N, C-alpha and C. Protein backbone atom coordinates (compact mmCIF):
# COMPACT_ATOMS: atom_id res chain seq x y z
N MET A 1 203.32 -127.01 -58.04
CA MET A 1 204.14 -125.84 -58.26
C MET A 1 204.25 -125.05 -56.96
N PRO A 2 205.45 -124.85 -56.44
CA PRO A 2 205.60 -124.10 -55.20
C PRO A 2 205.26 -122.63 -55.41
N THR A 3 204.77 -122.02 -54.37
CA THR A 3 204.42 -120.61 -54.42
C THR A 3 205.34 -119.84 -53.49
N THR A 4 205.21 -118.53 -53.50
CA THR A 4 205.96 -117.69 -52.57
C THR A 4 204.96 -116.93 -51.71
N PRO A 5 205.29 -116.69 -50.45
CA PRO A 5 204.37 -115.97 -49.56
C PRO A 5 204.33 -114.48 -49.89
N HIS A 6 203.32 -113.83 -49.38
CA HIS A 6 203.22 -112.38 -49.51
C HIS A 6 204.44 -111.74 -48.85
N PRO A 7 205.06 -110.74 -49.45
CA PRO A 7 206.31 -110.21 -48.89
C PRO A 7 206.19 -109.56 -47.51
N ARG A 8 204.99 -109.03 -47.14
CA ARG A 8 204.88 -108.35 -45.84
C ARG A 8 203.80 -108.91 -44.94
N ARG A 9 202.80 -109.57 -45.46
CA ARG A 9 201.67 -110.04 -44.66
C ARG A 9 202.13 -111.12 -43.69
N GLY A 10 201.85 -110.94 -42.41
CA GLY A 10 202.20 -111.92 -41.40
C GLY A 10 203.65 -111.86 -40.95
N VAL A 11 204.39 -110.86 -41.37
CA VAL A 11 205.80 -110.76 -41.02
C VAL A 11 205.96 -109.88 -39.79
N THR A 12 206.76 -110.34 -38.84
CA THR A 12 207.11 -109.58 -37.65
C THR A 12 208.63 -109.65 -37.50
N THR A 13 209.17 -109.06 -36.46
CA THR A 13 210.62 -109.09 -36.27
C THR A 13 210.99 -109.91 -35.05
N CYS A 14 212.14 -110.54 -35.10
CA CYS A 14 212.66 -111.32 -33.98
C CYS A 14 213.07 -110.35 -32.87
N THR A 15 212.71 -110.66 -31.63
CA THR A 15 213.05 -109.77 -30.52
C THR A 15 214.53 -109.83 -30.17
N ARG A 16 215.24 -110.86 -30.61
CA ARG A 16 216.66 -110.98 -30.31
C ARG A 16 217.55 -110.34 -31.36
N CYS A 17 217.28 -110.63 -32.65
CA CYS A 17 218.20 -110.16 -33.69
C CYS A 17 217.57 -109.14 -34.63
N GLY A 18 216.25 -108.97 -34.58
CA GLY A 18 215.59 -107.99 -35.42
C GLY A 18 215.32 -108.47 -36.85
N ALA A 19 215.58 -109.73 -37.15
CA ALA A 19 215.35 -110.27 -38.49
C ALA A 19 213.85 -110.46 -38.73
N PRO A 20 213.40 -110.34 -39.97
CA PRO A 20 211.98 -110.58 -40.26
C PRO A 20 211.66 -112.07 -40.14
N ILE A 21 210.59 -112.39 -39.42
CA ILE A 21 210.18 -113.78 -39.23
C ILE A 21 208.67 -113.90 -39.42
N ARG A 22 208.21 -115.14 -39.57
CA ARG A 22 206.79 -115.47 -39.62
C ARG A 22 206.57 -116.57 -38.59
N TRP A 23 205.47 -116.50 -37.84
CA TRP A 23 205.13 -117.54 -36.88
C TRP A 23 204.19 -118.53 -37.54
N ALA A 24 204.48 -119.82 -37.37
CA ALA A 24 203.68 -120.88 -37.99
C ALA A 24 203.25 -121.89 -36.95
N SER A 25 202.16 -122.58 -37.20
CA SER A 25 201.69 -123.66 -36.34
C SER A 25 202.33 -124.96 -36.81
N GLY A 26 202.77 -125.78 -35.85
CA GLY A 26 203.29 -127.10 -36.18
C GLY A 26 204.78 -127.19 -35.99
N PRO A 27 205.40 -128.30 -36.26
CA PRO A 27 204.84 -129.53 -36.79
C PRO A 27 204.06 -130.34 -35.76
N GLN A 28 204.28 -130.17 -34.46
CA GLN A 28 203.47 -130.85 -33.46
C GLN A 28 202.25 -129.98 -33.13
N PRO A 29 201.12 -130.60 -32.78
CA PRO A 29 199.93 -129.80 -32.44
C PRO A 29 200.19 -128.88 -31.25
N GLY A 30 199.73 -127.65 -31.35
CA GLY A 30 199.88 -126.68 -30.27
C GLY A 30 201.25 -126.03 -30.21
N GLN A 31 202.12 -126.31 -31.15
CA GLN A 31 203.47 -125.74 -31.14
C GLN A 31 203.55 -124.60 -32.15
N ARG A 32 204.21 -123.51 -31.77
CA ARG A 32 204.44 -122.38 -32.67
C ARG A 32 205.91 -122.38 -33.05
N THR A 33 206.20 -122.23 -34.34
CA THR A 33 207.55 -122.27 -34.85
C THR A 33 207.86 -120.98 -35.59
N PRO A 34 208.96 -120.29 -35.23
CA PRO A 34 209.33 -119.11 -36.00
C PRO A 34 210.08 -119.53 -37.26
N LEU A 35 209.71 -118.94 -38.39
CA LEU A 35 210.36 -119.22 -39.66
C LEU A 35 210.99 -117.94 -40.19
N ASN A 36 212.08 -118.07 -40.94
CA ASN A 36 212.61 -116.91 -41.64
C ASN A 36 211.55 -116.46 -42.64
N ALA A 37 211.39 -115.15 -42.81
CA ALA A 37 210.28 -114.62 -43.60
C ALA A 37 210.39 -114.97 -45.08
N LEU A 38 211.60 -115.09 -45.60
CA LEU A 38 211.77 -115.38 -47.02
C LEU A 38 211.94 -116.87 -47.25
N PRO A 39 211.40 -117.38 -48.36
CA PRO A 39 211.59 -118.79 -48.68
C PRO A 39 213.06 -119.09 -48.96
N SER A 40 213.45 -120.34 -48.74
CA SER A 40 214.83 -120.75 -48.98
C SER A 40 214.83 -122.10 -49.69
N PRO A 41 215.59 -122.24 -50.78
CA PRO A 41 215.62 -123.54 -51.47
C PRO A 41 216.28 -124.63 -50.62
N ALA A 42 217.04 -124.25 -49.60
CA ALA A 42 217.69 -125.23 -48.73
C ALA A 42 216.84 -125.56 -47.51
N GLY A 43 215.61 -125.09 -47.47
CA GLY A 43 214.75 -125.31 -46.31
C GLY A 43 214.35 -126.75 -46.11
N GLY A 44 214.20 -127.13 -44.86
CA GLY A 44 213.77 -128.48 -44.51
C GLY A 44 212.32 -128.54 -44.07
N LEU A 45 211.61 -127.43 -44.23
CA LEU A 45 210.21 -127.34 -43.84
C LEU A 45 209.39 -126.88 -45.04
N ALA A 46 208.14 -127.28 -45.09
CA ALA A 46 207.21 -126.82 -46.12
C ALA A 46 206.10 -126.06 -45.41
N ALA A 47 205.85 -124.82 -45.83
CA ALA A 47 204.85 -123.97 -45.18
C ALA A 47 203.78 -123.57 -46.19
N HIS A 48 202.56 -123.39 -45.69
CA HIS A 48 201.46 -122.89 -46.51
C HIS A 48 200.46 -122.17 -45.62
N THR A 49 199.64 -121.34 -46.23
CA THR A 49 198.59 -120.61 -45.52
C THR A 49 197.31 -121.43 -45.59
N ASN A 50 196.70 -121.66 -44.41
CA ASN A 50 195.48 -122.46 -44.38
C ASN A 50 194.27 -121.58 -44.71
N HIS A 51 193.08 -122.17 -44.71
CA HIS A 51 191.86 -121.46 -45.08
C HIS A 51 191.47 -120.36 -44.10
N LEU A 52 192.05 -120.36 -42.90
CA LEU A 52 191.76 -119.32 -41.91
C LEU A 52 192.78 -118.18 -41.95
N GLY A 53 193.78 -118.30 -42.81
CA GLY A 53 194.79 -117.25 -42.94
C GLY A 53 196.02 -117.48 -42.08
N GLY A 54 196.07 -118.59 -41.33
CA GLY A 54 197.23 -118.89 -40.51
C GLY A 54 198.28 -119.67 -41.29
N LEU A 55 199.51 -119.57 -40.86
CA LEU A 55 200.60 -120.26 -41.51
C LEU A 55 200.80 -121.61 -40.84
N VAL A 56 200.86 -122.68 -41.64
CA VAL A 56 201.02 -124.04 -41.14
C VAL A 56 202.31 -124.59 -41.75
N VAL A 57 203.08 -125.32 -40.93
CA VAL A 57 204.35 -125.85 -41.40
C VAL A 57 204.41 -127.36 -41.15
N ARG A 58 205.12 -128.07 -42.01
CA ARG A 58 205.37 -129.49 -41.83
C ARG A 58 206.82 -129.75 -42.21
N GLU A 59 207.36 -130.85 -41.68
CA GLU A 59 208.72 -131.22 -42.02
C GLU A 59 208.73 -131.96 -43.35
N LEU A 60 209.77 -131.73 -44.15
CA LEU A 60 209.93 -132.49 -45.38
C LEU A 60 210.53 -133.85 -45.01
N THR A 61 209.89 -134.92 -45.43
CA THR A 61 210.29 -136.27 -45.09
C THR A 61 210.66 -137.02 -46.36
N PRO A 62 211.29 -138.21 -46.25
CA PRO A 62 211.59 -139.00 -47.45
C PRO A 62 210.32 -139.39 -48.22
N ASP A 63 209.20 -139.54 -47.52
CA ASP A 63 207.95 -139.85 -48.20
C ASP A 63 207.42 -138.66 -49.01
N ARG A 64 207.59 -137.47 -48.46
CA ARG A 64 207.15 -136.23 -49.11
C ARG A 64 208.30 -135.24 -49.09
N PRO A 65 209.30 -135.39 -49.99
CA PRO A 65 210.51 -134.57 -49.91
C PRO A 65 210.40 -133.17 -50.53
N GLU A 66 209.35 -132.90 -51.27
CA GLU A 66 209.21 -131.61 -51.94
C GLU A 66 207.92 -130.92 -51.51
N PRO A 67 207.89 -129.59 -51.58
CA PRO A 67 206.64 -128.87 -51.28
C PRO A 67 205.56 -129.26 -52.29
N GLU A 68 204.34 -129.32 -51.81
CA GLU A 68 203.21 -129.70 -52.65
C GLU A 68 202.29 -128.51 -52.87
N HIS A 69 201.66 -128.47 -53.99
CA HIS A 69 200.65 -127.50 -54.41
C HIS A 69 200.98 -126.07 -54.00
N LEU A 70 200.48 -125.57 -52.86
CA LEU A 70 200.66 -124.17 -52.47
C LEU A 70 201.72 -123.99 -51.38
N GLU A 71 202.55 -124.97 -51.14
CA GLU A 71 203.58 -124.87 -50.09
C GLU A 71 204.85 -124.23 -50.65
N TRP A 72 205.64 -123.68 -49.76
CA TRP A 72 206.95 -123.13 -50.10
C TRP A 72 207.95 -123.61 -49.07
N LYS A 73 209.22 -123.73 -49.48
CA LYS A 73 210.27 -124.21 -48.58
C LYS A 73 210.65 -123.10 -47.61
N ALA A 74 210.76 -123.47 -46.35
CA ALA A 74 211.07 -122.51 -45.30
C ALA A 74 212.17 -123.06 -44.40
N VAL A 75 212.82 -122.15 -43.68
CA VAL A 75 213.88 -122.49 -42.73
C VAL A 75 213.45 -122.01 -41.35
N ALA A 76 213.61 -122.87 -40.33
CA ALA A 76 213.32 -122.44 -38.96
C ALA A 76 214.28 -121.32 -38.58
N HIS A 77 213.78 -120.35 -37.83
CA HIS A 77 214.61 -119.17 -37.51
C HIS A 77 215.63 -119.43 -36.42
N TRP A 78 215.34 -120.29 -35.44
CA TRP A 78 216.26 -120.44 -34.30
C TRP A 78 217.69 -120.80 -34.70
N PRO A 79 217.94 -121.74 -35.63
CA PRO A 79 219.33 -122.03 -35.97
C PRO A 79 220.07 -120.86 -36.62
N SER A 80 219.34 -119.98 -37.29
CA SER A 80 220.00 -118.87 -37.98
C SER A 80 219.96 -117.55 -37.19
N CYS A 81 219.38 -117.55 -36.00
CA CYS A 81 219.27 -116.33 -35.20
C CYS A 81 220.65 -115.90 -34.71
N THR A 82 220.97 -114.64 -34.89
CA THR A 82 222.27 -114.10 -34.46
C THR A 82 222.13 -113.25 -33.21
N GLY A 83 221.02 -113.39 -32.51
CA GLY A 83 220.72 -112.51 -31.39
C GLY A 83 221.28 -112.92 -30.06
N GLY A 84 222.18 -113.85 -29.97
CA GLY A 84 222.80 -114.17 -28.69
C GLY A 84 222.31 -115.47 -28.10
N SER A 85 222.18 -115.50 -26.77
CA SER A 85 221.89 -116.72 -26.03
C SER A 85 220.49 -117.21 -26.30
N GLY A 86 220.16 -118.38 -25.75
CA GLY A 86 218.87 -119.00 -25.96
C GLY A 86 217.78 -118.48 -25.07
N THR A 87 218.06 -117.48 -24.23
CA THR A 87 217.02 -116.94 -23.36
C THR A 87 216.40 -115.72 -24.02
N PRO A 88 215.09 -115.53 -23.89
CA PRO A 88 214.47 -114.37 -24.50
C PRO A 88 214.87 -113.08 -23.80
N ALA A 89 214.70 -112.00 -24.52
CA ALA A 89 215.04 -110.69 -23.96
C ALA A 89 214.09 -110.37 -22.80
N PRO A 90 214.58 -109.68 -21.76
CA PRO A 90 213.70 -109.33 -20.64
C PRO A 90 212.63 -108.33 -21.08
N ALA A 91 211.52 -108.37 -20.39
CA ALA A 91 210.43 -107.45 -20.69
C ALA A 91 210.83 -106.03 -20.29
N PRO A 92 210.38 -105.03 -21.05
CA PRO A 92 210.74 -103.65 -20.71
C PRO A 92 210.12 -103.25 -19.36
N VAL A 93 210.81 -102.40 -18.62
CA VAL A 93 210.34 -101.93 -17.32
C VAL A 93 209.37 -100.79 -17.55
N ARG A 94 208.22 -100.87 -16.88
CA ARG A 94 207.22 -99.81 -17.02
C ARG A 94 207.63 -98.61 -16.19
N SER A 95 207.35 -97.43 -16.71
CA SER A 95 207.75 -96.23 -16.01
C SER A 95 206.88 -95.91 -14.80
N ARG A 96 205.66 -96.40 -14.78
CA ARG A 96 204.78 -96.18 -13.64
C ARG A 96 203.90 -97.41 -13.48
N PRO A 97 203.38 -97.63 -12.27
CA PRO A 97 202.53 -98.80 -12.08
C PRO A 97 201.19 -98.64 -12.81
N ALA A 98 200.57 -99.74 -13.09
CA ALA A 98 199.28 -99.71 -13.76
C ALA A 98 198.22 -99.10 -12.83
N ARG A 99 197.23 -98.45 -13.43
CA ARG A 99 196.16 -97.84 -12.63
C ARG A 99 195.28 -98.92 -12.06
N ARG A 100 194.90 -98.74 -10.81
CA ARG A 100 193.99 -99.69 -10.16
C ARG A 100 192.57 -99.18 -10.24
N ARG A 101 191.64 -100.12 -10.25
CA ARG A 101 190.24 -99.75 -10.25
C ARG A 101 189.86 -99.25 -8.86
N PRO A 102 188.92 -98.34 -8.76
CA PRO A 102 188.49 -97.89 -7.44
C PRO A 102 187.86 -99.03 -6.66
N SER A 103 188.05 -99.02 -5.35
CA SER A 103 187.55 -100.11 -4.53
C SER A 103 186.04 -100.00 -4.28
N VAL A 104 185.47 -98.81 -4.39
CA VAL A 104 184.03 -98.62 -4.18
C VAL A 104 183.38 -98.37 -5.53
N GLN A 105 182.43 -99.21 -5.88
CA GLN A 105 181.74 -99.07 -7.15
C GLN A 105 180.43 -98.31 -6.93
N PRO A 106 180.05 -97.45 -7.83
CA PRO A 106 178.77 -96.76 -7.68
C PRO A 106 177.63 -97.75 -7.86
N PRO A 107 176.45 -97.46 -7.28
CA PRO A 107 175.31 -98.37 -7.44
C PRO A 107 174.81 -98.37 -8.87
N LEU A 108 174.11 -99.44 -9.23
CA LEU A 108 173.51 -99.52 -10.54
C LEU A 108 172.41 -98.48 -10.66
N PHE A 109 172.07 -98.12 -11.88
CA PHE A 109 171.04 -97.12 -12.11
C PHE A 109 169.72 -97.60 -11.52
N GLY A 110 169.10 -96.76 -10.71
CA GLY A 110 167.82 -97.08 -10.10
C GLY A 110 167.93 -97.86 -8.80
N GLN A 111 169.11 -98.25 -8.39
CA GLN A 111 169.31 -98.98 -7.15
C GLN A 111 169.62 -97.99 -6.03
N PRO A 112 169.15 -98.28 -4.82
CA PRO A 112 169.47 -97.37 -3.72
C PRO A 112 170.96 -97.47 -3.38
N GLY A 113 171.51 -96.35 -3.09
CA GLY A 113 172.91 -96.31 -2.71
C GLY A 113 173.09 -95.48 -1.47
N ARG A 114 174.29 -95.14 -1.12
CA ARG A 114 174.51 -94.37 0.09
C ARG A 114 174.07 -92.92 -0.06
N TRP A 115 173.85 -92.47 -1.29
CA TRP A 115 173.43 -91.09 -1.52
C TRP A 115 171.93 -90.90 -1.31
N SER A 116 171.16 -92.00 -1.24
CA SER A 116 169.71 -91.88 -1.12
C SER A 116 169.25 -91.83 0.32
N ARG A 117 170.10 -91.77 1.29
CA ARG A 117 169.70 -91.75 2.69
C ARG A 117 169.15 -90.45 3.12
């Protein structure tokens, strides 16, 4: 029996179009895939939450064409993104440079320093 994901847990917004998305691991190891936040009956992916609380996705294949047990049908976000070109948005410009650490560190407690002369 397919389930539905929590309506808000793990949901973020796309930086290009502002649509709600969920990030999932897979289908290849080490790959992160953005999914539309809501399940879709036309989805070609099956997603479920693993025991660590992360979202895992797999492709629906002819061998396993339907979601199993706790999986729900999902759609990859990139084909449906309305946010423009395939390049990510530029990072925002900082108003001031980051603070630098001082170049001279004080001595450790109990260690002689320049003040003990």
